[in-house]
Each structure stands twice: as C-alpha cells, then as structure tokens.
Amino acid sequence: MPLDLRLPSRPITLNARPLLPAPIVPSDELEARLSRTRAAMSRCETDVLILTDEKNVRYFTDYRTLSWTYHARPVLAVLTLERLLVFGSLGELRLMESVPRPFSPIAYDGYLPGAVDAIVDQISAMPASSRRRIAVDYGPDMFGRGSLYLIDRLKQIASDESVRSATDILWQIRLIKTPFEAEMKKVALAIVNDAFDQVIGNAYAGISEFELCQMMQAQIYLNGAESADPIAMLFSDGDFFYGRTPSDRKLKEGHYIWTDFRATYGGYPADRNRIARCGEPSDWEIATYKSVRSLTIELVNGIRPGLRCCDIYSNFQRLWKEADLGQIYGHVSRIGHGGGLDVTEPPSISAADQTVIEPGMIFHLEPKLEKNGAVFQFEEVVFVRDGGVEFLSDLSPERIPVV
C-alpha cells in the first residue's frame, strides 16, 4: 500500500518571536564551580576527574561546539586540583583557540583511542603524587562516552591501579544552581509554554499527533530555543503510553492531549508537562483538574531548605489522601525530581530519598492521575531560595485548555 504523505488538511500559522543566543556563563561563575569542585575532590581524596559527559564538560567550560554530535572524535576534559584541560581533535583546535578560554586546549590526532592516549600522556606527565586517585564521570544519572580502553589505560597509570566513579563529587556541585542557571531554565520554560499555547490555540479535531508535534517543535524554534529534542505528543482517552512516539492518530472529541518538552536555552532543558482537552470537559473533569492543580501548587509551596525530599513526599501522600483523588499513577516511584543541564537530575521526591533540600536546588513536581480516560498532571518548576521557592514558570492554567 503506498504511503499517504499529504500535507495537513488545515494550515496552522506560526509566529516568529526569536530571542538572542544564550549569554555566555560569567567567568566568575565558572571559577566558583571549579573552586567548589576542587574542594570536594580534596575532601573525597580524588586527584583527577575525567569528564566524558557533554553536560559535565560544558558545566565547567561553557564550551559550545557542534562536535558534541560526533562519537568518533569526542571532546573530553580532565580536571585536577591545579588544571583544567579540554581535549579535541585537530579539526577542533582552531575553534578552541579562537577566543580566550577558561581551560587549556589539547589537540589529538585520530579518533577516540587518540583522545584517550592524549589524556593518559598528560596525566602521566604529572607528579605521581598528583595522579594517585582517578575518577571518571560514569555512574547514575550521567551519560558519558563509554570506553573500556579509557578505563584500562587509566588503571595502568593510577597509583592505586583503580578507577572510581566521579558522580558523587559532581552531583554535590551540580545540584546547587546559581541565579544565572535558574534564569536559563526560566527562559527555556517560557519558550515551550508560549509554543504550547500558540499551537493549541490553532489545533483542531482531525489533526494528527505527528502534525501537531511538528507544529509545536517548529514554534519552539521560532520562539528562540537553541534545540528542541523529540517530545511526547499523545492523544488519548485512556490508552496512555507515555513513551510512544507521535503517530497518525487523529484528534477527536474527548481526547486528552499530553505533552512533555525537552527544548533548551543556554543548554538548560525546559522539562515541563502540559495537557489540553478536545471538546468541553464535563463537571467531574473540571473539578478533578482543579483539585490536582491546587494540590500540586500547595505541595510545591511547602518546599523549604532543611526539609528532606522524603518529607515532601510524605506531605504529598497526606494531601492526596485528604483530596480523595483515587489511585496515583504508580509506574514510577517518585512524584518529582531535580533539574538543571540534564532533563532529570537527582534528587528524587520519593519515599526513599533522604536528601536534605538546600537553597539553589531546582525541583520539578508532577504527580499524575489517570481517571476515566483522562489524565491530570501539572509539572511546576521551582528554584529553592533561603526562605522558600521561586516559580521558574507561569503556573499551569486555572482552566484546562480546550481545542
């Protein structure tokens, strides 16, 4: 059967409201990140950190390059108590040297093994006492360049012949955000919120998931996003499969539209869920929407420095029971998480997470309810201050958006 690749049956007008490119990270902020990390390295008796995850390299360097997409010639970094080195291929060197950088650029010839050899050469040239204990950013919630060759070579030069995980050290630092980071999140969230409202305002019964998703992605870019990774776009009246990619399913009366965004600004992703309904909701839907939204906002406003994540979860359980909303969506063990350069970061708002909340943390809270074919979820995002929280996004609408 031939494919039907016809254009949408009704055109949607998009509006360009571009922003300027994200500002560079202030040099004093980069210096503060390095200083805090080196203090943590000393406390944890670690001499060398190997950074393979793009987010980690960018966090300490603010180095921006299209080469992040290439696996064969990666950009890697080494952080010691005295130096910050960034390794790029010969073709990368001109860009690294084009302006002053907060690091020393090192060029390697060839591919990933060449990068590893260059790293090992630099570490081997250090005094033995400065390279005893080596850690790599392999571990929970980090997605670096995996390389057995890297691990084998590092073991050969480590004084204790072992390589440990650097994730505990790195998360100690990255969990605490600055106002600059919060501002990048705020802009990213405004970009996707506006895109959702703009496109939903032009949606119609009969449009497909794929068509609406493409329209929303295009509007996200027109609103100033620097990237817009694939998003969830589901039409459903009860068969919610949240990992399903957008399909040719057509929007019809009674469908709920569920989205979850990934667009970035300044490297910071706008992880935010939004929902809408096709056709006017019934009284019970209006009441349930209001209850879940109010509960979520009350829960977020209860976040305070000094409380533990599990304390917030206990408060959620109490509020949910008092609201008599029924069974919470139970396919995940948490109702919120941290956020920063990664879409999701530690800690988790869960019964088991005893992390103490500190000023500078960013949290996304998003308890979810599926009921009678509908879905109710309000992802509110906040920056923890000394006395409470600052919302980084406009609150979810008081009334459900309707197509």
Protein backbone atom coordinates (compact mmCIF):
# COMPACT_ATOMS: atom_id res chain seq x y z
CA MET A 1 0.00 0.00 0.00
CA PRO A 2 1.53 3.39 -0.95
CA LEU A 3 2.27 5.83 1.84
CA ASP A 4 -0.05 8.81 2.25
CA LEU A 5 2.27 11.76 2.89
CA ARG A 6 -0.20 14.53 2.22
CA LEU A 7 0.17 17.87 3.98
CA PRO A 8 -2.11 18.69 6.92
CA SER A 9 -5.70 19.30 5.88
CA ARG A 10 -5.78 22.72 7.56
CA PRO A 11 -2.73 25.02 7.71
CA ILE A 12 -1.64 26.46 11.04
CA THR A 13 0.02 29.87 11.13
CA LEU A 14 3.18 30.05 13.23
CA ASN A 15 4.67 33.23 14.64
CA ALA A 16 8.37 34.02 14.96
CA ARG A 17 9.38 35.62 18.28
CA PRO A 18 13.09 34.83 18.35
CA LEU A 19 15.44 35.54 21.23
CA LEU A 20 19.11 36.35 21.14
CA PRO A 21 21.51 33.43 21.61
CA ALA A 22 22.00 32.48 25.24
CA PRO A 23 24.61 34.62 27.05
CA ILE A 24 27.98 33.15 27.96
CA VAL A 25 28.39 31.90 31.51
CA PRO A 26 30.13 34.63 33.56
CA SER A 27 33.79 33.87 34.23
CA ASP A 28 33.40 34.30 37.99
CA GLU A 29 30.65 31.66 37.94
CA LEU A 30 32.88 29.19 36.11
CA GLU A 31 35.66 29.90 38.62
CA ALA A 32 33.28 29.28 41.51
CA ARG A 33 32.23 25.93 40.03
CA LEU A 34 35.87 24.88 39.70
CA SER A 35 36.73 26.05 43.21
CA ARG A 36 33.82 24.16 44.80
CA THR A 37 34.64 21.02 42.84
CA ARG A 38 38.31 21.07 43.78
CA ALA A 39 37.34 21.43 47.43
CA ALA A 40 35.06 18.41 47.06
CA MET A 41 37.85 16.46 45.34
CA SER A 42 40.16 17.17 48.28
CA ARG A 43 37.53 16.02 50.77
CA CYS A 44 36.96 12.84 48.75
CA GLU A 45 40.68 12.20 48.23
CA THR A 46 40.44 12.40 44.45
CA ASP A 47 43.27 13.86 42.37
CA VAL A 48 41.97 13.71 38.78
CA LEU A 49 38.46 13.89 37.32
CA ILE A 50 37.92 12.63 33.76
CA LEU A 51 34.88 14.29 32.16
CA THR A 52 33.26 12.45 29.25
CA ASP A 53 29.66 13.63 29.59
CA GLU A 54 28.88 16.68 27.42
CA LYS A 55 26.92 18.28 30.28
CA ASN A 56 29.90 17.98 32.65
CA VAL A 57 32.39 19.39 30.16
CA ARG A 58 30.07 22.25 29.34
CA TYR A 59 29.32 22.92 33.02
CA PHE A 60 32.97 23.72 33.75
CA THR A 61 33.97 25.28 30.43
CA ASP A 62 30.86 26.72 28.74
CA TYR A 63 32.48 25.39 25.57
CA ARG A 64 29.96 25.37 22.73
CA THR A 65 30.61 23.29 19.63
CA LEU A 66 28.65 21.30 17.08
CA SER A 67 31.14 18.49 17.59
CA TRP A 68 29.13 17.15 20.54
CA THR A 69 27.12 15.17 17.97
CA TYR A 70 30.16 13.19 16.79
CA HIS A 71 31.05 9.95 18.57
CA ALA A 72 34.25 9.19 16.66
CA ARG A 73 36.11 12.39 17.69
CA PRO A 74 34.77 13.29 21.14
CA VAL A 75 35.50 16.38 23.22
CA LEU A 76 36.73 15.27 26.65
CA ALA A 77 38.17 17.04 29.68
CA VAL A 78 40.49 16.47 32.63
CA LEU A 79 40.14 18.40 35.88
CA THR A 80 42.87 18.31 38.50
CA LEU A 81 43.48 20.37 41.61
CA GLU A 82 45.55 22.78 39.50
CA ARG A 83 44.48 22.48 35.87
CA LEU A 84 41.51 22.15 33.50
CA LEU A 85 42.35 20.56 30.14
CA VAL A 86 39.96 20.06 27.21
CA PHE A 87 40.82 17.56 24.50
CA GLY A 88 39.56 17.96 20.96
CA SER A 89 40.52 16.61 17.56
CA LEU A 90 42.91 18.52 15.30
CA GLY A 91 39.90 19.97 13.50
CA GLU A 92 38.54 21.28 16.80
CA LEU A 93 41.69 23.12 17.81
CA ARG A 94 41.06 26.23 15.70
CA LEU A 95 37.68 26.79 17.39
CA MET A 96 39.10 26.15 20.88
CA GLU A 97 41.89 28.67 20.29
CA SER A 98 39.69 31.28 18.58
CA VAL A 99 38.93 33.17 21.81
CA PRO A 100 40.29 33.11 25.37
CA ARG A 101 39.03 30.04 27.22
CA PRO A 102 38.90 29.07 30.90
CA PHE A 103 40.86 25.91 30.04
CA SER A 104 43.98 24.71 28.24
CA PRO A 105 43.13 23.14 24.85
CA ILE A 106 44.90 19.93 23.88
CA ALA A 107 44.62 18.54 20.33
CA TYR A 108 44.76 14.85 19.48
CA ASP A 109 45.14 13.14 16.13
CA GLY A 110 42.67 10.46 15.07
CA TYR A 111 39.64 9.14 16.89
CA LEU A 112 38.56 8.13 20.41
CA PRO A 113 41.68 6.00 21.10
CA GLY A 114 43.78 9.03 20.18
CA ALA A 115 41.86 11.13 22.68
CA VAL A 116 42.44 8.51 25.38
CA ASP A 117 46.17 8.35 24.62
CA ALA A 118 46.42 12.14 24.81
CA ILE A 119 44.67 12.16 28.20
CA VAL A 120 46.96 9.44 29.53
CA ASP A 121 50.05 11.29 28.26
CA GLN A 122 49.01 14.47 30.08
CA ILE A 123 48.26 12.67 33.35
CA SER A 124 51.45 10.61 33.14
CA ALA A 125 53.47 13.82 32.92
CA MET A 126 52.12 14.92 36.30
CA PRO A 127 53.99 14.07 39.50
CA ALA A 128 52.96 10.65 40.80
CA SER A 129 51.52 12.21 43.94
CA SER A 130 49.12 14.26 41.76
CA ARG A 131 47.62 11.30 39.92
CA ARG A 132 47.18 8.64 42.56
CA ARG A 133 43.39 8.60 42.60
CA ILE A 134 41.48 8.96 39.32
CA ALA A 135 37.70 9.19 38.89
CA VAL A 136 35.54 9.13 35.73
CA ASP A 137 32.01 10.50 35.34
CA TYR A 138 30.46 7.08 34.81
CA GLY A 139 27.54 6.40 37.12
CA PRO A 140 23.92 7.17 37.99
CA ASP A 141 22.22 9.96 36.02
CA MET A 142 25.26 10.67 33.86
CA PHE A 143 25.64 9.56 30.27
CA GLY A 144 29.24 9.97 29.28
CA ARG A 145 31.34 8.46 26.48
CA GLY A 146 31.78 4.85 27.48
CA SER A 147 35.21 3.40 26.69
CA LEU A 148 36.80 0.28 28.10
CA TYR A 149 40.06 1.43 26.53
CA LEU A 150 39.89 4.61 28.64
CA ILE A 151 39.38 2.62 31.85
CA ASP A 152 42.17 0.14 31.04
CA ARG A 153 44.67 2.92 30.25
CA LEU A 154 43.77 4.92 33.37
CA LYS A 155 44.25 1.87 35.59
CA GLN A 156 47.76 1.49 34.20
CA ILE A 157 48.79 4.98 35.36
CA ALA A 158 46.77 5.32 38.59
CA SER A 159 48.99 4.82 41.60
CA ASP A 160 46.39 2.57 43.23
CA GLU A 161 45.67 0.80 39.87
CA SER A 162 41.95 1.55 40.13
CA VAL A 163 39.42 3.98 38.70
CA ARG A 164 36.43 5.15 40.71
CA SER A 165 33.18 6.92 39.82
CA ALA A 166 33.16 10.72 39.92
CA THR A 167 29.39 11.09 40.04
CA ASP A 168 29.11 11.64 43.80
CA ILE A 169 31.54 14.55 43.62
CA LEU A 170 29.95 16.06 40.52
CA TRP A 171 26.40 15.88 41.81
CA GLN A 172 27.47 17.55 45.06
CA ILE A 173 28.33 20.57 42.93
CA ARG A 174 25.80 20.46 40.09
CA LEU A 175 22.77 20.08 42.38
CA ILE A 176 23.22 23.64 43.67
CA LYS A 177 22.27 26.10 40.93
CA THR A 178 23.02 29.79 40.68
CA PRO A 179 20.59 32.56 39.72
CA PHE A 180 22.20 32.51 36.25
CA GLU A 181 21.26 28.85 35.82
CA ALA A 182 17.75 29.48 37.14
CA GLU A 183 17.34 32.28 34.60
CA MET A 184 18.30 29.95 31.72
CA LYS A 185 15.65 27.47 32.91
CA LYS A 186 13.11 30.27 33.20
CA VAL A 187 13.66 31.36 29.59
CA ALA A 188 13.50 27.78 28.30
CA LEU A 189 10.22 27.19 30.14
CA ALA A 190 8.70 30.39 28.78
CA ILE A 191 9.64 29.28 25.25
CA VAL A 192 7.77 25.98 25.49
CA ASN A 193 4.80 27.37 27.41
CA ASP A 194 4.24 30.01 24.74
CA ALA A 195 4.66 27.42 21.98
CA PHE A 196 2.07 25.14 23.58
CA ASP A 197 -0.47 27.93 23.96
CA GLN A 198 0.15 29.23 20.44
CA VAL A 199 -0.25 25.86 18.75
CA ILE A 200 -3.10 24.52 20.89
CA GLY A 201 -4.95 27.73 20.08
CA ASN A 202 -4.77 26.75 16.40
CA ALA A 203 -5.31 22.98 16.75
CA TYR A 204 -8.48 21.31 15.51
CA ALA A 205 -10.30 18.00 15.63
CA GLY A 206 -8.84 15.79 12.91
CA ILE A 207 -5.22 16.90 13.19
CA SER A 208 -2.78 14.04 13.80
CA GLU A 209 -0.35 13.66 16.69
CA PHE A 210 2.57 13.87 14.27
CA GLU A 211 1.25 17.03 12.62
CA LEU A 212 0.63 18.79 15.93
CA CYS A 213 4.01 17.66 17.27
CA GLN A 214 5.81 19.06 14.22
CA MET A 215 3.92 22.34 14.53
CA MET A 216 4.88 22.59 18.19
CA GLN A 217 8.54 21.80 17.52
CA ALA A 218 8.63 24.44 14.79
CA GLN A 219 7.06 27.03 17.09
CA ILE A 220 9.55 26.18 19.83
CA TYR A 221 12.40 27.03 17.48
CA LEU A 222 10.65 30.20 16.30
CA ASN A 223 10.30 31.24 19.96
CA GLY A 224 14.09 31.14 20.37
CA ALA A 225 15.05 27.64 21.53
CA GLU A 226 18.58 26.54 20.64
CA SER A 227 17.49 22.90 20.43
CA ALA A 228 14.19 21.02 20.54
CA ASP A 229 14.71 17.32 21.10
CA PRO A 230 11.79 14.98 20.31
CA ILE A 231 8.83 15.48 22.63
CA ALA A 232 5.96 13.29 23.68
CA MET A 233 2.71 14.12 21.93
CA LEU A 234 -0.17 11.81 22.80
CA PHE A 235 -3.88 11.92 22.02
CA SER A 236 -5.73 9.52 24.27
CA ASP A 237 -8.98 8.75 26.01
CA GLY A 238 -7.45 6.14 28.29
CA ASP A 239 -4.66 4.32 26.45
CA PHE A 240 -1.76 6.47 27.65
CA PHE A 241 1.63 5.01 26.69
CA TYR A 242 3.95 7.82 27.67
CA GLY A 243 6.95 6.58 25.72
CA ARG A 244 5.05 6.20 22.45
CA THR A 245 6.25 8.39 19.59
CA PRO A 246 3.75 10.67 17.81
CA SER A 247 1.65 8.75 15.29
CA ASP A 248 -1.04 9.35 12.68
CA ARG A 249 -3.75 9.13 15.37
CA LYS A 250 -6.32 11.86 14.72
CA LEU A 251 -7.56 14.18 17.44
CA LYS A 252 -11.22 13.66 18.29
CA GLU A 253 -13.79 14.79 20.86
CA GLY A 254 -12.91 13.54 24.34
CA HIS A 255 -9.20 13.07 23.67
CA TYR A 256 -6.71 14.44 26.17
CA ILE A 257 -3.52 15.90 24.69
CA TRP A 258 -0.44 15.15 26.80
CA THR A 259 2.99 16.66 26.09
CA ASP A 260 6.40 16.75 27.74
CA PHE A 261 9.02 19.18 26.45
CA ARG A 262 12.81 18.98 26.01
CA ALA A 263 13.71 22.29 24.31
CA THR A 264 16.83 24.04 25.64
CA TYR A 265 18.10 27.57 26.12
CA GLY A 266 21.67 28.13 27.22
CA GLY A 267 21.99 24.34 27.45
CA TYR A 268 19.21 24.09 30.05
CA PRO A 269 16.20 21.97 29.05
CA ALA A 270 12.60 23.02 29.66
CA ASP A 271 11.24 19.83 31.12
CA ARG A 272 7.57 20.65 31.52
CA ASN A 273 4.37 18.68 31.07
CA ARG A 274 1.27 20.35 29.60
CA ILE A 275 -2.20 18.98 28.90
CA ALA A 276 -5.27 20.03 26.92
CA ARG A 277 -8.65 18.52 26.00
CA CYS A 278 -10.51 18.21 22.71
CA GLY A 279 -14.03 19.44 23.39
CA GLU A 280 -15.52 20.90 26.52
CA PRO A 281 -14.84 18.91 29.73
CA SER A 282 -17.60 17.57 31.95
CA ASP A 283 -18.18 18.80 35.51
CA TRP A 284 -16.18 15.97 37.10
CA GLU A 285 -13.21 16.70 34.82
CA ILE A 286 -13.28 20.39 35.73
CA ALA A 287 -13.40 19.53 39.43
CA THR A 288 -10.60 16.95 39.18
CA TYR A 289 -8.42 19.31 37.14
CA LYS A 290 -8.85 21.99 39.82
CA SER A 291 -8.11 19.55 42.68
CA VAL A 292 -4.91 18.08 41.22
CA ARG A 293 -3.65 21.51 40.18
CA SER A 294 -4.31 23.03 43.63
CA LEU A 295 -2.68 20.07 45.37
CA THR A 296 0.44 20.35 43.20
CA ILE A 297 0.83 24.07 43.85
CA GLU A 298 0.30 23.63 47.59
CA LEU A 299 2.85 20.83 47.64
CA VAL A 300 5.45 22.94 45.83
CA ASN A 301 4.88 25.90 48.13
CA GLY A 302 5.71 23.62 51.06
CA ILE A 303 9.31 23.09 49.91
CA ARG A 304 11.79 24.63 52.34
CA PRO A 305 15.54 24.36 52.91
CA GLY A 306 16.26 21.86 55.66
CA LEU A 307 13.41 19.51 54.79
CA ARG A 308 14.23 16.18 53.20
CA CYS A 309 12.87 15.01 49.86
CA CYS A 310 11.05 12.18 51.65
CA ASP A 311 9.36 14.80 53.87
CA ILE A 312 7.87 16.45 50.76
CA TYR A 313 6.71 13.04 49.58
CA SER A 314 5.06 12.35 52.94
CA ASN A 315 3.25 15.67 52.67
CA PHE A 316 2.12 14.67 49.19
CA GLN A 317 0.69 11.39 50.49
CA ARG A 318 -1.28 13.28 53.15
CA LEU A 319 -2.64 15.85 50.70
CA TRP A 320 -3.55 13.19 48.14
CA LYS A 321 -5.42 11.14 50.73
CA GLU A 322 -7.29 14.20 52.00
CA ALA A 323 -8.30 15.15 48.46
CA ASP A 324 -9.69 11.62 47.89
CA LEU A 325 -8.47 11.60 44.30
CA GLY A 326 -8.06 7.84 43.95
CA GLN A 327 -5.05 5.85 42.83
CA ILE A 328 -1.99 7.90 41.91
CA TYR A 329 -0.19 6.93 38.69
CA GLY A 330 2.10 4.23 40.05
CA HIS A 331 4.53 3.26 37.30
CA VAL A 332 7.27 5.49 38.76
CA SER A 333 8.40 5.66 42.37
CA ARG A 334 8.62 9.46 42.60
CA ILE A 335 6.41 12.48 42.02
CA GLY A 336 9.24 14.92 41.30
CA HIS A 337 12.93 15.33 40.56
CA GLY A 338 15.78 17.78 40.26
CA GLY A 339 16.57 19.66 37.08
CA GLY A 340 19.47 21.53 35.53
CA LEU A 341 21.62 20.87 32.47
CA ASP A 342 20.03 17.41 32.30
CA VAL A 343 16.31 16.90 31.78
CA THR A 344 16.08 14.97 35.02
CA GLU A 345 18.64 15.12 37.81
CA PRO A 346 18.87 13.95 41.40
CA PRO A 347 17.41 14.17 43.93
CA SER A 348 14.02 12.46 43.73
CA ILE A 349 10.85 13.45 45.55
CA SER A 350 10.18 9.94 46.76
CA ALA A 351 9.65 7.99 49.96
CA ALA A 352 13.22 6.67 49.93
CA ASP A 353 15.25 9.82 49.11
CA GLN A 354 16.54 11.45 52.30
CA THR A 355 18.49 14.22 50.54
CA VAL A 356 18.27 17.45 52.53
CA ILE A 357 16.89 20.31 50.45
CA GLU A 358 19.28 23.26 50.09
CA PRO A 359 18.99 26.76 48.60
CA GLY A 360 19.95 26.61 44.93
CA MET A 361 18.22 23.34 44.11
CA ILE A 362 15.71 23.24 41.25
CA PHE A 363 12.74 20.90 41.54
CA HIS A 364 10.07 19.68 39.14
CA LEU A 365 6.95 18.36 40.92
CA GLU A 366 4.45 16.49 38.78
CA PRO A 367 2.08 14.00 40.48
CA LYS A 368 -0.08 12.34 37.83
CA LEU A 369 -3.63 10.99 37.90
CA GLU A 370 -5.31 8.89 35.23
CA LYS A 371 -9.09 8.72 35.68
CA ASN A 372 -11.90 7.59 33.40
CA GLY A 373 -9.81 8.07 30.27
CA ALA A 374 -8.47 11.49 31.31
CA VAL A 375 -5.01 12.47 32.53
CA PHE A 376 -4.28 15.26 35.01
CA GLN A 377 -0.68 16.36 35.51
CA PHE A 378 0.83 19.76 36.34
CA GLU A 379 4.61 19.99 36.26
CA GLU A 380 5.53 23.02 38.35
CA VAL A 381 9.19 24.07 38.44
CA VAL A 382 10.78 26.00 41.30
CA PHE A 383 14.14 27.38 42.41
CA VAL A 384 14.76 26.95 46.14
CA ARG A 385 15.63 30.17 47.95
CA ASP A 386 16.62 30.70 51.59
CA GLY A 387 13.03 31.28 52.70
CA GLY A 388 11.02 29.23 50.23
CA VAL A 389 10.68 28.79 46.48
CA GLU A 390 10.63 30.93 43.33
CA PHE A 391 8.50 29.61 40.48
CA LEU A 392 10.51 29.45 37.25
CA SER A 393 7.45 29.06 35.05
CA ASP A 394 3.98 30.52 34.90
CA LEU A 395 1.61 28.29 36.83
CA SER A 396 -0.47 25.79 34.89
CA PRO A 397 -3.69 27.44 33.63
CA GLU A 398 -6.56 27.67 36.10
CA ARG A 399 -8.87 26.13 33.49
CA ILE A 400 -7.99 23.28 31.19
CA PRO A 401 -7.05 24.44 27.67
CA VAL A 402 -9.68 23.27 25.19
CA VAL A 403 -9.37 22.57 21.46
